[in-house]
Amino acid sequence: MEKINNATEFIFWGLSQNPEVAKVCFVVFTFFYTAILLGNLLIMLTVCTGKLFKSPMYFFLSYLSFVDICYSSVTAPKMIVDLLAKTKVISYVGCVLQLFGVHFLGCTEIFLLVLMAYDHYVAICKTLQYMTIMDQNRCNNMLLGIWIGGFIHSIIPVALVVQLPFCGPNEIDHYFCDVHPLLKVACRDTYVIGMVVTANSGTIALGSFITLLISYTVILVSLRKQSAVGRHKALSTCGSHIAVVIIFFGPCTFTYMRPDTTFSGDKMVALFYTIITPMLNPLIYTLRNAEVKNAMKKLWDRKVFLRG
């Protein structure tokens, strides 16, 4: 049977249909997005100018900031503009590209967080062999691997969506194009596709979350053998990472572990992993990390000196 697809664009319902609430959200999320850009750019600049990138931990942290900027930029600018728009329209091609970007960068961030957990495990549990195991060449290869893994993952939801017929009304109760909201407006049964999406996205989110919990449990148990100073430093580093993991993976797992079900609150949940986590990452990692704070202070002192 030939596919019928008359969709050339989709209409978002956005975060709120109330104009007054939308104006407040516009101010709030403009501030949040600005904080994402400035905070993560500051992390990247600090790691580069402070020569912290020689350490694998800060090398991965700078890449996390880069991914956070790209990931939030896929959804945030469009959402902010739509808050003041009467009709929140996105083209079919734009919707597919947004779907690709969300899953490509989201999955890359998940794999990067797992990689950072492995880095912490090696640093704490195999301290003497740390620089040998996490040499620059291996770090580069692992980064390449997570980018490839994110790309392969993102092809699956895109391939599933582009072969669906959309015969209207093409109104999406969300603020960006994601798989479940799109399945909701398709004019054919999508139960099997929903199961495939869960097997793909849901398994990656839940599997990575469980892996991270196990790895940090092992790390925390091993800290009993550390000195008091070493234990405090390790707990500070791991504590920041665990906070990011909980904020990011909790909502993400809730969203993608459901085969073919959407709730009105899904878009509010999605804010945590598309906006809130990228905004909090710089704060979480800098407030709990003396080395990063010292590098930032040196960067600031250097700028003041140059001005003077």
Protein backbone atom coordinates (compact mmCIF):
# COMPACT_ATOMS: atom_id res chain seq x y z
CA MET A 1 0.00 0.00 0.00
CA GLU A 2 1.41 3.40 -0.99
CA LYS A 3 2.27 5.73 1.87
CA ILE A 4 0.12 8.86 2.11
CA ASN A 5 1.96 11.78 3.67
CA ASN A 6 0.54 15.27 3.26
CA ALA A 7 2.60 16.74 6.11
CA THR A 8 4.80 19.68 5.16
CA GLU A 9 4.88 21.14 8.67
CA PHE A 10 3.94 20.47 12.29
CA ILE A 11 2.44 22.78 14.90
CA PHE A 12 3.71 22.67 18.49
CA TRP A 13 1.43 23.31 21.43
CA GLY A 14 4.49 24.52 23.32
CA LEU A 15 4.99 24.81 27.05
CA SER A 16 1.86 26.86 27.67
CA GLN A 17 -1.20 28.13 25.80
CA ASN A 18 -1.59 30.98 28.30
CA PRO A 19 0.01 34.21 26.90
CA GLU A 20 0.89 35.55 30.36
CA VAL A 21 2.53 32.30 31.44
CA ALA A 22 4.33 32.15 28.08
CA LYS A 23 5.85 35.62 28.65
CA VAL A 24 7.17 34.56 32.04
CA CYS A 25 8.56 31.36 30.54
CA PHE A 26 10.21 33.42 27.79
CA VAL A 27 12.17 35.45 30.36
CA VAL A 28 13.03 32.41 32.48
CA PHE A 29 14.23 30.19 29.65
CA THR A 30 16.09 32.98 27.90
CA PHE A 31 18.04 33.36 31.15
CA PHE A 32 18.53 29.58 31.39
CA TYR A 33 19.81 29.29 27.81
CA THR A 34 22.17 32.25 28.29
CA ALA A 35 23.47 30.56 31.44
CA ILE A 36 24.00 27.32 29.48
CA LEU A 37 26.07 29.10 26.83
CA LEU A 38 28.13 31.25 29.21
CA GLY A 39 28.64 28.57 31.86
CA ASN A 40 29.73 25.82 29.49
CA LEU A 41 31.88 28.17 27.39
CA LEU A 42 33.61 29.23 30.61
CA ILE A 43 34.32 25.58 31.48
CA MET A 44 35.80 24.96 28.02
CA LEU A 45 37.88 28.14 28.19
CA THR A 46 39.12 27.32 31.70
CA VAL A 47 40.14 23.78 30.76
CA CYS A 48 42.01 25.01 27.65
CA THR A 49 43.77 28.06 29.09
CA GLY A 50 44.50 26.39 32.43
CA LYS A 51 46.03 23.40 30.61
CA LEU A 52 43.73 21.10 32.54
CA PHE A 53 43.01 19.17 29.33
CA LYS A 54 46.18 17.16 30.01
CA SER A 55 44.14 15.38 32.68
CA PRO A 56 41.61 12.92 31.17
CA MET A 57 38.95 13.99 33.69
CA TYR A 58 39.01 17.64 32.56
CA PHE A 59 39.49 16.61 28.94
CA PHE A 60 36.14 14.77 29.12
CA LEU A 61 34.58 17.62 31.13
CA SER A 62 35.34 20.10 28.35
CA TYR A 63 33.70 17.76 25.83
CA LEU A 64 30.67 17.42 28.12
CA SER A 65 30.33 21.22 28.07
CA PHE A 66 30.59 21.23 24.28
CA VAL A 67 27.90 18.53 23.98
CA ASP A 68 25.68 20.40 26.46
CA ILE A 69 25.83 23.56 24.35
CA CYS A 70 25.00 21.69 21.15
CA TYR A 71 22.30 19.54 22.80
CA SER A 72 20.41 22.44 24.36
CA SER A 73 20.76 24.49 21.16
CA VAL A 74 18.76 21.88 19.24
CA THR A 75 15.60 22.66 21.23
CA ALA A 76 15.99 25.80 23.38
CA PRO A 77 16.18 28.60 20.75
CA LYS A 78 13.11 27.32 18.90
CA MET A 79 11.20 26.85 22.17
CA ILE A 80 12.07 30.38 23.36
CA VAL A 81 11.00 32.00 20.08
CA ASP A 82 7.78 29.96 20.04
CA LEU A 83 6.82 31.24 23.49
CA LEU A 84 5.99 34.60 21.92
CA ALA A 85 4.68 33.24 18.61
CA LYS A 86 0.96 32.91 17.90
CA THR A 87 1.52 29.80 15.78
CA LYS A 88 4.42 27.52 16.67
CA VAL A 89 5.30 25.97 13.30
CA ILE A 90 8.19 23.74 12.26
CA SER A 91 8.71 22.28 8.81
CA TYR A 92 8.68 18.52 8.24
CA VAL A 93 12.40 18.56 7.37
CA GLY A 94 13.16 20.78 10.37
CA CYS A 95 11.24 18.37 12.60
CA VAL A 96 13.21 15.37 11.35
CA LEU A 97 16.50 17.22 11.79
CA GLN A 98 15.52 18.22 15.33
CA LEU A 99 14.60 14.60 16.11
CA PHE A 100 18.00 13.50 14.81
CA GLY A 101 19.86 16.18 16.81
CA VAL A 102 18.06 15.40 20.08
CA HIS A 103 18.82 11.67 19.88
CA PHE A 104 22.32 12.01 18.45
CA LEU A 105 23.54 14.51 21.05
CA GLY A 106 21.43 13.06 23.88
CA CYS A 107 22.84 9.57 23.34
CA THR A 108 26.36 10.98 22.97
CA GLU A 109 25.95 12.71 26.35
CA ILE A 110 24.76 9.45 27.93
CA PHE A 111 27.80 7.57 26.62
CA LEU A 112 30.08 10.44 27.69
CA LEU A 113 28.75 10.31 31.25
CA VAL A 114 29.43 6.55 31.31
CA LEU A 115 32.93 7.19 29.98
CA MET A 116 33.53 9.80 32.70
CA ALA A 117 32.41 7.27 35.31
CA TYR A 118 34.94 4.79 33.94
CA ASP A 119 37.60 7.49 34.13
CA HIS A 120 36.74 8.09 37.79
CA TYR A 121 36.87 4.35 38.48
CA VAL A 122 40.36 4.04 36.99
CA ALA A 123 41.58 7.19 38.77
CA ILE A 124 40.39 5.98 42.19
CA CYS A 125 40.73 2.19 41.99
CA LYS A 126 43.82 1.94 39.77
CA THR A 127 45.65 5.11 40.65
CA LEU A 128 49.18 3.93 39.80
CA GLN A 129 48.19 2.76 36.32
CA TYR A 130 45.84 5.70 35.67
CA MET A 131 47.91 7.68 33.14
CA THR A 132 48.94 4.48 31.37
CA ILE A 133 45.36 3.23 30.99
CA MET A 134 43.88 6.65 30.18
CA ASP A 135 46.55 7.89 27.77
CA GLN A 136 45.67 10.56 25.20
CA ASN A 137 45.38 8.16 22.29
CA ARG A 138 42.95 5.91 24.16
CA CYS A 139 40.89 8.90 25.31
CA ASN A 140 40.60 10.11 21.71
CA ASN A 141 39.54 6.66 20.52
CA MET A 142 36.89 6.38 23.25
CA LEU A 143 35.53 9.82 22.34
CA LEU A 144 35.34 8.82 18.70
CA GLY A 145 33.51 5.66 19.76
CA ILE A 146 30.81 7.54 21.68
CA TRP A 147 30.21 9.92 18.74
CA ILE A 148 29.81 6.94 16.41
CA GLY A 149 27.55 5.19 18.94
CA GLY A 150 25.36 8.30 19.24
CA PHE A 151 25.08 8.56 15.46
CA ILE A 152 24.11 4.90 15.03
CA HIS A 153 21.47 5.21 17.75
CA SER A 154 19.93 8.37 16.23
CA ILE A 155 19.49 6.76 12.81
CA ILE A 156 16.95 4.29 14.22
CA PRO A 157 14.25 6.75 15.46
CA VAL A 158 14.69 8.91 12.36
CA ALA A 159 14.30 5.89 10.06
CA LEU A 160 11.17 4.83 11.94
CA VAL A 161 9.56 8.28 11.77
CA VAL A 162 10.26 9.17 8.11
CA GLN A 163 8.37 6.12 6.86
CA LEU A 164 5.22 7.04 8.83
CA PRO A 165 2.20 8.69 7.15
CA PHE A 166 0.98 11.96 8.64
CA CYS A 167 -2.41 12.95 7.30
CA GLY A 168 -3.36 15.59 9.89
CA PRO A 169 -4.06 17.33 12.09
CA ASN A 170 -0.30 17.60 12.64
CA GLU A 171 -0.41 19.23 16.07
CA ILE A 172 2.21 18.05 18.56
CA ASP A 173 1.65 18.45 22.29
CA HIS A 174 5.32 19.23 22.96
CA TYR A 175 7.92 21.94 22.41
CA PHE A 176 10.23 19.88 20.17
CA CYS A 177 10.02 16.91 17.80
CA ASP A 178 10.50 13.65 19.65
CA VAL A 179 9.53 10.09 18.80
CA HIS A 180 6.52 9.52 21.06
CA PRO A 181 4.72 12.81 20.25
CA LEU A 182 5.25 12.12 16.53
CA LEU A 183 3.94 8.57 16.84
CA LYS A 184 0.85 10.05 18.48
CA VAL A 185 -0.08 12.08 15.35
CA ALA A 186 0.78 9.42 12.77
CA CYS A 187 -2.25 7.98 10.95
CA ARG A 188 -1.42 4.29 11.36
CA ASP A 189 -0.88 1.87 14.21
CA THR A 190 2.49 2.59 15.83
CA TYR A 191 2.56 0.06 18.69
CA VAL A 192 5.37 -2.03 17.17
CA ILE A 193 7.40 1.08 16.37
CA GLY A 194 6.88 2.26 19.95
CA MET A 195 8.28 -1.05 21.20
CA VAL A 196 11.32 -0.67 18.94
CA VAL A 197 11.91 2.87 20.26
CA THR A 198 11.74 1.58 23.84
CA ALA A 199 14.14 -1.24 23.01
CA ASN A 200 16.51 1.32 21.51
CA SER A 201 16.29 4.56 23.52
CA GLY A 202 14.84 3.08 26.70
CA THR A 203 17.40 0.31 26.95
CA ILE A 204 20.29 2.73 26.41
CA ALA A 205 18.98 5.13 29.08
CA LEU A 206 18.11 2.48 31.67
CA GLY A 207 21.12 0.27 30.91
CA SER A 208 23.53 3.21 31.20
CA PHE A 209 21.84 4.39 34.41
CA ILE A 210 22.21 0.95 36.02
CA THR A 211 25.82 0.70 34.82
CA LEU A 212 26.59 4.07 36.39
CA LEU A 213 24.96 3.15 39.68
CA ILE A 214 26.97 -0.09 39.84
CA SER A 215 30.23 1.64 38.93
CA TYR A 216 29.81 4.33 41.58
CA THR A 217 28.86 1.72 44.17
CA VAL A 218 32.15 -0.05 43.42
CA ILE A 219 34.01 3.25 43.66
CA LEU A 220 32.40 4.19 46.98
CA VAL A 221 33.19 0.76 48.45
CA SER A 222 36.83 1.06 47.35
CA LEU A 223 37.15 4.45 49.09
CA ARG A 224 37.40 2.65 52.45
CA LYS A 225 41.01 1.86 51.58
CA GLN A 226 41.84 5.51 50.78
CA SER A 227 43.33 8.06 53.17
CA ALA A 228 41.03 10.70 54.66
CA VAL A 229 42.31 13.38 52.23
CA GLY A 230 42.05 11.07 49.22
CA ARG A 231 38.59 9.93 50.29
CA HIS A 232 37.34 13.52 50.60
CA LYS A 233 38.70 14.49 47.18
CA ALA A 234 37.25 11.39 45.54
CA LEU A 235 33.85 11.90 47.19
CA SER A 236 33.79 15.52 46.01
CA THR A 237 34.54 14.49 42.41
CA CYS A 238 32.13 11.55 42.38
CA GLY A 239 29.43 13.51 44.21
CA SER A 240 29.18 16.06 41.41
CA HIS A 241 29.00 13.34 38.80
CA ILE A 242 26.33 11.38 40.69
CA ALA A 243 24.21 14.56 40.94
CA VAL A 244 24.39 15.04 37.15
CA VAL A 245 23.53 11.38 36.58
CA ILE A 246 20.40 11.52 38.76
CA ILE A 247 19.11 14.80 37.29
CA PHE A 248 19.72 13.65 33.71
CA PHE A 249 18.88 9.93 33.76
CA GLY A 250 15.80 10.02 36.00
CA PRO A 251 13.59 12.03 33.60
CA CYS A 252 15.26 10.50 30.53
CA THR A 253 14.52 6.94 31.66
CA PHE A 254 10.94 7.87 32.60
CA THR A 255 10.36 9.28 29.10
CA TYR A 256 11.84 6.50 26.96
CA MET A 257 10.94 3.38 28.93
CA ARG A 258 7.26 3.64 27.91
CA PRO A 259 6.43 1.89 24.59
CA ASP A 260 3.59 3.99 23.19
CA THR A 261 2.28 6.28 25.90
CA THR A 262 2.42 10.05 26.31
CA PHE A 263 1.43 12.22 29.26
CA SER A 264 0.64 15.92 29.37
CA GLY A 265 3.54 16.39 31.77
CA ASP A 266 6.13 14.83 29.43
CA LYS A 267 7.30 18.20 28.13
CA MET A 268 7.92 19.40 31.69
CA VAL A 269 9.93 16.25 32.39
CA ALA A 270 11.88 16.78 29.15
CA LEU A 271 13.01 20.20 30.40
CA PHE A 272 15.25 18.44 32.93
CA TYR A 273 17.41 16.65 30.38
CA THR A 274 17.27 19.25 27.58
CA ILE A 275 17.61 22.50 29.58
CA ILE A 276 18.11 22.05 33.33
CA THR A 277 21.00 19.55 33.26
CA PRO A 278 23.09 21.47 30.67
CA MET A 279 22.58 24.61 32.78
CA LEU A 280 23.51 22.95 36.10
CA ASN A 281 26.54 20.99 34.84
CA PRO A 282 28.98 23.96 35.04
CA LEU A 283 27.75 24.86 38.54
CA ILE A 284 27.87 21.28 39.82
CA TYR A 285 31.37 20.61 38.50
CA THR A 286 32.93 23.94 39.49
CA LEU A 287 31.42 24.41 42.95
CA ARG A 288 32.63 20.96 44.05
CA ASN A 289 36.03 21.13 42.33
CA ALA A 290 38.86 23.20 43.79
CA GLU A 291 41.16 22.68 40.79
CA VAL A 292 38.64 24.13 38.34
CA LYS A 293 37.90 27.04 40.67
CA ASN A 294 41.63 27.81 40.97
CA ALA A 295 42.03 27.70 37.18
CA MET A 296 39.07 30.08 36.81
CA LYS A 297 40.61 32.44 39.38
CA LYS A 298 43.90 32.46 37.46
CA LEU A 299 42.00 33.12 34.22
CA TRP A 300 40.17 36.03 35.88
CA ASP A 301 43.39 37.44 37.39
CA ARG A 302 45.07 37.23 33.98
CA LYS A 303 42.23 39.19 32.36
CA VAL A 304 42.31 41.84 35.09
CA PHE A 305 46.08 42.12 34.70
CA LEU A 306 45.82 42.53 30.91
CA ARG A 307 43.17 45.26 31.33
CA GLY A 308 45.34 47.08 33.82
